[in-house]
């Protein structure tokens, strides 16, 4: 499902115009992005949890030369599905 398809489904289900549904969907995703940028954990009951995960600095190998290289640590977004969503998928 694409974002546009999601917007159409929200508009039909809730009885909004496509413009209003577009703004609502963008507001939800925007708030999730802002929260993650601040390092917050976003919990949506019955769906899942969004949080920032940290990767530690580690040693890797250059495949061409075989020499060791340092791979810098970094942060990335993560999602863990909630129990309800997991049961629904099974």
PDB file of N, CA and C in Angstrom:
ATOM      1  N   UNK A   1       0.847  -1.174   0.000  1.00  0.00           N
ATOM      2  CA  UNK A   1       0.000   0.000   0.000  1.00  0.00           C
ATOM      3  C   UNK A   1       0.893   1.238   0.000  1.00  0.00           C
ATOM      4  N   UNK A   2       0.589   2.163  -0.859  1.00  0.00           N
ATOM      5  CA  UNK A   2       1.335   3.413  -0.927  1.00  0.00           C
ATOM      6  C   UNK A   2       0.682   4.454  -0.020  1.00  0.00           C
ATOM      7  N   UNK A   3       1.362   5.564   0.160  1.00  0.00           N
ATOM      8  CA  UNK A   3       0.821   6.630   0.997  1.00  0.00           C
ATOM      9  C   UNK A   3      -0.481   7.176   0.409  1.00  0.00           C
ATOM     10  N   UNK A   4      -0.538   7.311  -0.915  1.00  0.00           N
ATOM     11  CA  UNK A   4      -1.763   7.804  -1.551  1.00  0.00           C
ATOM     12  C   UNK A   4      -2.930   6.848  -1.357  1.00  0.00           C
ATOM     13  N   UNK A   5      -2.661   5.551  -1.428  1.00  0.00           N
ATOM     14  CA  UNK A   5      -3.720   4.562  -1.185  1.00  0.00           C
ATOM     15  C   UNK A   5      -4.197   4.635   0.257  1.00  0.00           C
ATOM     16  N   UNK A   6      -3.267   4.832   1.183  1.00  0.00           N
ATOM     17  CA  UNK A   6      -3.621   4.983   2.586  1.00  0.00           C
ATOM     18  C   UNK A   6      -4.508   6.205   2.788  1.00  0.00           C
ATOM     19  N   UNK A   7      -4.159   7.301   2.153  1.00  0.00           N
ATOM     20  CA  UNK A   7      -4.951   8.529   2.263  1.00  0.00           C
ATOM     21  C   UNK A   7      -6.362   8.309   1.728  1.00  0.00           C
ATOM     22  N   UNK A   8      -6.490   7.615   0.599  1.00  0.00           N
ATOM     23  CA  UNK A   8      -7.816   7.332   0.035  1.00  0.00           C
ATOM     24  C   UNK A   8      -8.649   6.470   0.978  1.00  0.00           C
ATOM     25  N   UNK A   9      -8.031   5.456   1.577  1.00  0.00           N
ATOM     26  CA  UNK A   9      -8.758   4.582   2.496  1.00  0.00           C
ATOM     27  C   UNK A   9      -9.196   5.328   3.747  1.00  0.00           C
ATOM     28  N   UNK A  10      -8.331   6.186   4.267  1.00  0.00           N
ATOM     29  CA  UNK A  10      -8.694   6.986   5.446  1.00  0.00           C
ATOM     30  C   UNK A  10      -9.851   7.916   5.096  1.00  0.00           C
ATOM     31  N   UNK A  11      -9.790   8.546   3.941  1.00  0.00           N
ATOM     32  CA  UNK A  11     -10.859   9.463   3.523  1.00  0.00           C
ATOM     33  C   UNK A  11     -12.198   8.736   3.433  1.00  0.00           C
ATOM     34  N   UNK A  12     -12.207   7.543   2.857  1.00  0.00           N
ATOM     35  CA  UNK A  12     -13.453   6.781   2.725  1.00  0.00           C
ATOM     36  C   UNK A  12     -13.959   6.289   4.072  1.00  0.00           C
ATOM     37  N   UNK A  13     -13.067   5.764   4.893  1.00  0.00           N
ATOM     38  CA  UNK A  13     -13.466   5.156   6.156  1.00  0.00           C
ATOM     39  C   UNK A  13     -14.010   6.190   7.144  1.00  0.00           C
ATOM     40  N   UNK A  14     -13.388   7.361   7.193  1.00  0.00           N
ATOM     41  CA  UNK A  14     -13.773   8.372   8.170  1.00  0.00           C
ATOM     42  C   UNK A  14     -14.745   9.396   7.587  1.00  0.00           C
ATOM     43  N   UNK A  15     -14.873   9.412   6.283  1.00  0.00           N
ATOM     44  CA  UNK A  15     -15.789  10.366   5.649  1.00  0.00           C
ATOM     45  C   UNK A  15     -15.186  11.751   5.498  1.00  0.00           C
ATOM     46  N   UNK A  16     -13.887  11.816   5.276  1.00  0.00           N
ATOM     47  CA  UNK A  16     -13.201  13.092   5.074  1.00  0.00           C
ATOM     48  C   UNK A  16     -12.946  13.321   3.595  1.00  0.00           C
ATOM     49  N   UNK A  17     -12.640  14.565   3.265  1.00  0.00           N
ATOM     50  CA  UNK A  17     -12.194  14.831   1.907  1.00  0.00           C
ATOM     51  C   UNK A  17     -10.766  14.299   1.792  1.00  0.00           C
ATOM     52  N   UNK A  18     -10.305  14.124   0.564  1.00  0.00           N
ATOM     53  CA  UNK A  18      -8.938  13.634   0.372  1.00  0.00           C
ATOM     54  C   UNK A  18      -7.918  14.629   0.928  1.00  0.00           C
ATOM     55  N   UNK A  19      -8.203  15.902   0.813  1.00  0.00           N
ATOM     56  CA  UNK A  19      -7.296  16.923   1.326  1.00  0.00           C
ATOM     57  C   UNK A  19      -7.182  16.826   2.847  1.00  0.00           C
ATOM     58  N   UNK A  20      -8.320  16.669   3.531  1.00  0.00           N
ATOM     59  CA  UNK A  20      -8.311  16.554   4.992  1.00  0.00           C
ATOM     60  C   UNK A  20      -7.614  15.269   5.426  1.00  0.00           C
ATOM     61  N   UNK A  21      -7.852  14.176   4.707  1.00  0.00           N
ATOM     62  CA  UNK A  21      -7.197  12.906   5.024  1.00  0.00           C
ATOM     63  C   UNK A  21      -5.696  13.015   4.783  1.00  0.00           C
ATOM     64  N   UNK A  22      -5.289  13.704   3.716  1.00  0.00           N
ATOM     65  CA  UNK A  22      -3.879  13.924   3.420  1.00  0.00           C
ATOM     66  C   UNK A  22      -3.199  14.658   4.574  1.00  0.00           C
ATOM     67  N   UNK A  23      -3.866  15.723   5.060  1.00  0.00           N
ATOM     68  CA  UNK A  23      -3.311  16.490   6.175  1.00  0.00           C
ATOM     69  C   UNK A  23      -3.234  15.663   7.447  1.00  0.00           C
ATOM     70  N   UNK A  24      -4.243  14.826   7.702  1.00  0.00           N
ATOM     71  CA  UNK A  24      -4.254  13.991   8.904  1.00  0.00           C
ATOM     72  C   UNK A  24      -3.140  12.948   8.859  1.00  0.00           C
ATOM     73  N   UNK A  25      -2.989  12.279   7.731  1.00  0.00           N
ATOM     74  CA  UNK A  25      -1.941  11.266   7.595  1.00  0.00           C
ATOM     75  C   UNK A  25      -0.565  11.912   7.708  1.00  0.00           C
ATOM     76  N   UNK A  26      -0.369  13.040   7.064  1.00  0.00           N
ATOM     77  CA  UNK A  26       0.911  13.743   7.149  1.00  0.00           C
ATOM     78  C   UNK A  26       1.192  14.227   8.568  1.00  0.00           C
ATOM     79  N   UNK A  27       0.154  14.638   9.294  1.00  0.00           N
ATOM     80  CA  UNK A  27       0.337  15.079  10.675  1.00  0.00           C
ATOM     81  C   UNK A  27       0.801  13.915  11.551  1.00  0.00           C
ATOM     82  N   UNK A  28       0.211  12.745  11.362  1.00  0.00           N
ATOM     83  CA  UNK A  28       0.610  11.565  12.146  1.00  0.00           C
ATOM     84  C   UNK A  28       2.062  11.201  11.851  1.00  0.00           C
ATOM     85  N   UNK A  29       2.395  11.070  10.580  1.00  0.00           N
ATOM     86  CA  UNK A  29       3.767  10.710  10.220  1.00  0.00           C
ATOM     87  C   UNK A  29       4.760  11.803  10.643  1.00  0.00           C
ATOM     88  N   UNK A  30       4.365  13.049  10.516  1.00  0.00           N
ATOM     89  CA  UNK A  30       5.227  14.156  10.921  1.00  0.00           C
ATOM     90  C   UNK A  30       5.521  14.123  12.415  1.00  0.00           C
ATOM     91  N   UNK A  31       4.508  13.831  13.218  1.00  0.00           N
ATOM     92  CA  UNK A  31       4.714  13.761  14.662  1.00  0.00           C
ATOM     93  C   UNK A  31       5.597  12.575  15.042  1.00  0.00           C
ATOM     94  N   UNK A  32       5.469  11.470  14.333  1.00  0.00           N
ATOM     95  CA  UNK A  32       6.346  10.320  14.582  1.00  0.00           C
ATOM     96  C   UNK A  32       7.783  10.701  14.253  1.00  0.00           C
ATOM     97  N   UNK A  33       7.993  11.357  13.105  1.00  0.00           N
ATOM     98  CA  UNK A  33       9.344  11.788  12.716  1.00  0.00           C
ATOM     99  C   UNK A  33       9.942  12.747  13.732  1.00  0.00           C
ATOM    100  N   UNK A  34       9.156  13.726  14.179  1.00  0.00           N
ATOM    101  CA  UNK A  34       9.644  14.704  15.160  1.00  0.00           C
ATOM    102  C   UNK A  34      10.027  14.027  16.466  1.00  0.00           C
ATOM    103  N   UNK A  35       9.206  13.096  16.918  1.00  0.00           N
ATOM    104  CA  UNK A  35       9.492  12.379  18.150  1.00  0.00           C
ATOM    105  C   UNK A  35      10.773  11.571  18.048  1.00  0.00           C
ATOM    106  N   UNK A  36      10.952  10.892  16.927  1.00  0.00           N
ATOM    107  CA  UNK A  36      12.168  10.100  16.733  1.00  0.00           C
ATOM    108  C   UNK A  36      13.396  11.001  16.629  1.00  0.00           C
ATOM    109  N   UNK A  37      13.252  12.157  16.004  1.00  0.00           N
ATOM    110  CA  UNK A  37      14.371  13.089  15.886  1.00  0.00           C
ATOM    111  C   UNK A  37      14.817  13.590  17.258  1.00  0.00           C
ATOM    112  N   UNK A  38      13.868  13.707  18.206  1.00  0.00           N
ATOM    113  CA  UNK A  38      14.200  14.115  19.570  1.00  0.00           C
ATOM    114  C   UNK A  38      14.711  12.945  20.407  1.00  0.00           C
ATOM    115  N   UNK A  39      14.584  11.721  19.869  1.00  0.00           N
ATOM    116  CA  UNK A  39      15.025  10.547  20.617  1.00  0.00           C
ATOM    117  C   UNK A  39      13.929   9.918  21.448  1.00  0.00           C
ATOM    118  N   UNK A  40      12.692  10.355  21.254  1.00  0.00           N
ATOM    119  CA  UNK A  40      11.568   9.810  22.004  1.00  0.00           C
ATOM    120  C   UNK A  40      11.177   8.426  21.506  1.00  0.00           C
ATOM    121  N   UNK A  41      10.477   7.706  22.355  1.00  0.00           N
ATOM    122  CA  UNK A  41       9.915   6.401  22.016  1.00  0.00           C
ATOM    123  C   UNK A  41       8.425   6.626  21.779  1.00  0.00           C
ATOM    124  N   UNK A  42       7.909   6.194  20.637  1.00  0.00           N
ATOM    125  CA  UNK A  42       6.501   6.390  20.301  1.00  0.00           C
ATOM    126  C   UNK A  42       5.791   5.048  20.379  1.00  0.00           C
ATOM    127  N   UNK A  43       4.835   4.941  21.292  1.00  0.00           N
ATOM    128  CA  UNK A  43       4.096   3.697  21.492  1.00  0.00           C
ATOM    129  C   UNK A  43       2.669   3.900  21.008  1.00  0.00           C
ATOM    130  N   UNK A  44       2.238   3.072  20.055  1.00  0.00           N
ATOM    131  CA  UNK A  44       0.872   3.112  19.557  1.00  0.00           C
ATOM    132  C   UNK A  44       0.235   1.791  19.964  1.00  0.00           C
ATOM    133  N   UNK A  45      -0.634   1.843  20.971  1.00  0.00           N
ATOM    134  CA  UNK A  45      -1.250   0.636  21.521  1.00  0.00           C
ATOM    135  C   UNK A  45      -1.970  -0.152  20.436  1.00  0.00           C
ATOM    136  N   UNK A  46      -1.749  -1.455  20.425  1.00  0.00           N
ATOM    137  CA  UNK A  46      -2.389  -2.322  19.448  1.00  0.00           C
ATOM    138  C   UNK A  46      -1.684  -2.359  18.106  1.00  0.00           C
ATOM    139  N   UNK A  47      -0.646  -1.544  17.936  1.00  0.00           N
ATOM    140  CA  UNK A  47       0.074  -1.508  16.662  1.00  0.00           C
ATOM    141  C   UNK A  47       1.552  -1.812  16.857  1.00  0.00           C
ATOM    142  N   UNK A  48       2.252  -0.952  17.595  1.00  0.00           N
ATOM    143  CA  UNK A  48       3.676  -1.191  17.797  1.00  0.00           C
ATOM    144  C   UNK A  48       4.390  -0.004  18.387  1.00  0.00           C
ATOM    145  N   UNK A  49       5.715  -0.110  18.428  1.00  0.00           N
ATOM    146  CA  UNK A  49       6.560   0.901  19.031  1.00  0.00           C
ATOM    147  C   UNK A  49       7.645   1.344  18.057  1.00  0.00           C
ATOM    148  N   UNK A  50       7.780   2.648  17.902  1.00  0.00           N
ATOM    149  CA  UNK A  50       8.857   3.232  17.119  1.00  0.00           C
ATOM    150  C   UNK A  50       9.887   3.762  18.105  1.00  0.00           C
ATOM    151  N   UNK A  51      11.165   3.499  17.864  1.00  0.00           N
ATOM    152  CA  UNK A  51      12.209   4.046  18.730  1.00  0.00           C
ATOM    153  C   UNK A  51      13.509   4.168  17.953  1.00  0.00           C
ATOM    154  N   UNK A  52      14.426   4.960  18.512  1.00  0.00           N
ATOM    155  CA  UNK A  52      15.730   5.161  17.905  1.00  0.00           C
ATOM    156  C   UNK A  52      16.659   4.086  18.447  1.00  0.00           C
ATOM    157  N   UNK A  53      17.324   3.397  17.550  1.00  0.00           N
ATOM    158  CA  UNK A  53      18.280   2.366  17.933  1.00  0.00           C
ATOM    159  C   UNK A  53      19.685   2.859  17.628  1.00  0.00           C
ATOM    160  N   UNK A  54      20.619   2.474  18.480  1.00  0.00           N
ATOM    161  CA  UNK A  54      22.010   2.872  18.288  1.00  0.00           C
ATOM    162  C   UNK A  54      22.848   1.682  17.863  1.00  0.00           C
ATOM    163  N   UNK A  55      23.686   1.885  16.886  1.00  0.00           N
ATOM    164  CA  UNK A  55      24.634   0.864  16.464  1.00  0.00           C
ATOM    165  C   UNK A  55      26.002   1.264  16.974  1.00  0.00           C
ATOM    166  N   UNK A  56      26.691   0.326  17.588  1.00  0.00           N
ATOM    167  CA  UNK A  56      28.006   0.601  18.151  1.00  0.00           C
ATOM    168  C   UNK A  56      29.059   0.638  17.041  1.00  0.00           C
ATOM    169  N   UNK A  57      30.173   1.294  17.335  1.00  0.00           N
ATOM    170  CA  UNK A  57      31.312   1.277  16.416  1.00  0.00           C
ATOM    171  C   UNK A  57      31.843  -0.149  16.361  1.00  0.00           C
ATOM    172  N   UNK A  58      32.183  -0.605  15.168  1.00  0.00           N
ATOM    173  CA  UNK A  58      32.663  -1.979  15.037  1.00  0.00           C
ATOM    174  C   UNK A  58      33.760  -2.059  13.984  1.00  0.00           C
ATOM    175  N   UNK A  59      34.447  -3.173  13.984  1.00  0.00           N
ATOM    176  CA  UNK A  59      35.511  -3.389  13.013  1.00  0.00           C
ATOM    177  C   UNK A  59      34.972  -4.242  11.877  1.00  0.00           C
ATOM    178  N   UNK A  60      35.228  -3.814  10.663  1.00  0.00           N
ATOM    179  CA  UNK A  60      34.824  -4.558   9.484  1.00  0.00           C
ATOM    180  C   UNK A  60      36.028  -4.841   8.609  1.00  0.00           C
ATOM    181  N   UNK A  61      35.782  -5.467   7.493  1.00  0.00           N
ATOM    182  CA  UNK A  61      36.864  -5.782   6.555  1.00  0.00           C
ATOM    183  C   UNK A  61      36.533  -5.211   5.183  1.00  0.00           C
ATOM    184  N   UNK A  62      37.548  -4.637   4.549  1.00  0.00           N
ATOM    185  CA  UNK A  62      37.414  -4.176   3.180  1.00  0.00           C
ATOM    186  C   UNK A  62      37.456  -5.421   2.301  1.00  0.00           C
ATOM    187  N   UNK A  63      36.397  -5.718   1.546  1.00  0.00           N
ATOM    188  CA  UNK A  63      36.375  -6.946   0.760  1.00  0.00           C
ATOM    189  C   UNK A  63      37.415  -6.991  -0.367  1.00  0.00           C
ATOM    190  N   UNK A  64      37.852  -5.832  -0.842  1.00  0.00           N
ATOM    191  CA  UNK A  64      38.837  -5.819  -1.929  1.00  0.00           C
ATOM    192  C   UNK A  64      40.251  -6.087  -1.422  1.00  0.00           C
ATOM    193  N   UNK A  65      40.602  -5.457  -0.287  1.00  0.00           N
ATOM    194  CA  UNK A  65      41.977  -5.587   0.204  1.00  0.00           C
ATOM    195  C   UNK A  65      42.101  -6.523   1.395  1.00  0.00           C
ATOM    196  N   UNK A  66      41.007  -6.790   2.088  1.00  0.00           N
ATOM    197  CA  UNK A  66      41.056  -7.643   3.265  1.00  0.00           C
ATOM    198  C   UNK A  66      41.531  -6.926   4.507  1.00  0.00           C
ATOM    199  N   UNK A  67      41.825  -5.636   4.413  1.00  0.00           N
ATOM    200  CA  UNK A  67      42.311  -4.891   5.575  1.00  0.00           C
ATOM    201  C   UNK A  67      41.154  -4.521   6.504  1.00  0.00           C
ATOM    202  N   UNK A  68      41.472  -4.344   7.782  1.00  0.00           N
ATOM    203  CA  UNK A  68      40.467  -3.963   8.778  1.00  0.00           C
ATOM    204  C   UNK A  68      40.133  -2.482   8.640  1.00  0.00           C
ATOM    205  N   UNK A  69      38.858  -2.181   8.800  1.00  0.00           N
ATOM    206  CA  UNK A  69      38.412  -0.791   8.802  1.00  0.00           C
ATOM    207  C   UNK A  69      37.464  -0.599   9.977  1.00  0.00           C
ATOM    208  N   UNK A  70      37.396   0.622  10.479  1.00  0.00           N
ATOM    209  CA  UNK A  70      36.462   0.937  11.547  1.00  0.00           C
ATOM    210  C   UNK A  70      35.172   1.451  10.925  1.00  0.00           C
ATOM    211  N   UNK A  71      34.065   0.885  11.365  1.00  0.00           N
ATOM    212  CA  UNK A  71      32.755   1.342  10.912  1.00  0.00           C
ATOM    213  C   UNK A  71      32.175   2.153  12.064  1.00  0.00           C
ATOM    214  N   UNK A  72      31.908   3.416  11.814  1.00  0.00           N
ATOM    215  CA  UNK A  72      31.427   4.321  12.856  1.00  0.00           C
ATOM    216  C   UNK A  72      30.038   3.917  13.335  1.00  0.00           C
ATOM    217  N   UNK A  73      29.786   4.140  14.617  1.00  0.00           N
ATOM    218  CA  UNK A  73      28.461   3.897  15.160  1.00  0.00           C
ATOM    219  C   UNK A  73      27.491   4.957  14.674  1.00  0.00           C
ATOM    220  N   UNK A  74      26.224   4.634  14.655  1.00  0.00           N
ATOM    221  CA  UNK A  74      25.214   5.593  14.229  1.00  0.00           C
ATOM    222  C   UNK A  74      23.858   5.208  14.804  1.00  0.00           C
ATOM    223  N   UNK A  75      22.904   6.108  14.640  1.00  0.00           N
ATOM    224  CA  UNK A  75      21.543   5.874  15.110  1.00  0.00           C
ATOM    225  C   UNK A  75      20.643   5.631  13.912  1.00  0.00           C
ATOM    226  N   UNK A  76      19.611   4.796  14.111  1.00  0.00           N
ATOM    227  CA  UNK A  76      18.655   4.547  13.053  1.00  0.00           C
ATOM    228  C   UNK A  76      17.291   4.272  13.653  1.00  0.00           C
ATOM    229  N   UNK A  77      16.212   4.524  12.900  1.00  0.00           N
ATOM    230  CA  UNK A  77      14.880   4.272  13.433  1.00  0.00           C
ATOM    231  C   UNK A  77      14.579   2.784  13.446  1.00  0.00           C
ATOM    232  N   UNK A  78      13.798   2.369  14.443  1.00  0.00           N
ATOM    233  CA  UNK A  78      13.412   0.971  14.537  1.00  0.00           C
ATOM    234  C   UNK A  78      11.936   0.855  14.866  1.00  0.00           C
ATOM    235  N   UNK A  79      11.352  -0.272  14.527  1.00  0.00           N
ATOM    236  CA  UNK A  79       9.939  -0.538  14.801  1.00  0.00           C
ATOM    237  C   UNK A  79       9.809  -1.941  15.343  1.00  0.00           C
ATOM    238  N   UNK A  80       9.044  -2.091  16.410  1.00  0.00           N
ATOM    239  CA  UNK A  80       8.727  -3.394  16.969  1.00  0.00           C
ATOM    240  C   UNK A  80       7.215  -3.532  16.955  1.00  0.00           C
ATOM    241  N   UNK A  81       6.722  -4.576  16.316  1.00  0.00           N
ATOM    242  CA  UNK A  81       5.278  -4.799  16.235  1.00  0.00           C
ATOM    243  C   UNK A  81       4.728  -5.181  17.600  1.00  0.00           C
ATOM    244  N   UNK A  82       3.531  -4.721  17.907  1.00  0.00           N
ATOM    245  CA  UNK A  82       2.865  -5.046  19.155  1.00  0.00           C
ATOM    246  C   UNK A  82       2.212  -6.422  19.093  1.00  0.00           C
ATOM    247  N   UNK A  83       1.779  -6.923  20.242  1.00  0.00           N
ATOM    248  CA  UNK A  83       1.176  -8.261  20.325  1.00  0.00           C
ATOM    249  C   UNK A  83      -0.054  -8.388  19.432  1.00  0.00           C
ATOM    250  N   UNK A  84      -0.905  -7.371  19.440  1.00  0.00           N
ATOM    251  CA  UNK A  84      -2.123  -7.425  18.651  1.00  0.00           C
ATOM    252  C   UNK A  84      -1.816  -7.544  17.161  1.00  0.00           C
ATOM    253  N   UNK A  85      -0.870  -6.772  16.686  1.00  0.00           N
ATOM    254  CA  UNK A  85      -0.484  -6.803  15.268  1.00  0.00           C
ATOM    255  C   UNK A  85       0.140  -8.148  14.929  1.00  0.00           C
ATOM    256  N   UNK A  86       0.983  -8.673  15.813  1.00  0.00           N
ATOM    257  CA  UNK A  86       1.611  -9.972  15.565  1.00  0.00           C
ATOM    258  C   UNK A  86       0.568 -11.072  15.461  1.00  0.00           C
ATOM    259  N   UNK A  87      -0.412 -11.042  16.365  1.00  0.00           N
ATOM    260  CA  UNK A  87      -1.484 -12.068  16.323  1.00  0.00           C
ATOM    261  C   UNK A  87      -2.301 -11.959  15.035  1.00  0.00           C
ATOM    262  N   UNK A  88      -2.551 -10.747  14.593  1.00  0.00           N
ATOM    263  CA  UNK A  88      -3.335 -10.521  13.378  1.00  0.00           C
ATOM    264  C   UNK A  88      -2.620 -11.068  12.148  1.00  0.00           C
ATOM    265  N   UNK A  89      -1.301 -10.952  12.117  1.00  0.00           N
ATOM    266  CA  UNK A  89      -0.509 -11.399  10.964  1.00  0.00           C
ATOM    267  C   UNK A  89      -0.431 -12.927  10.902  1.00  0.00           C
ATOM    268  N   UNK A  90      -0.381 -13.561  12.075  1.00  0.00           N
ATOM    269  CA  UNK A  90      -0.274 -15.025  12.094  1.00  0.00           C
ATOM    270  C   UNK A  90      -1.407 -15.616  11.384  1.00  0.00           C
TER     271      UNK A  90
END
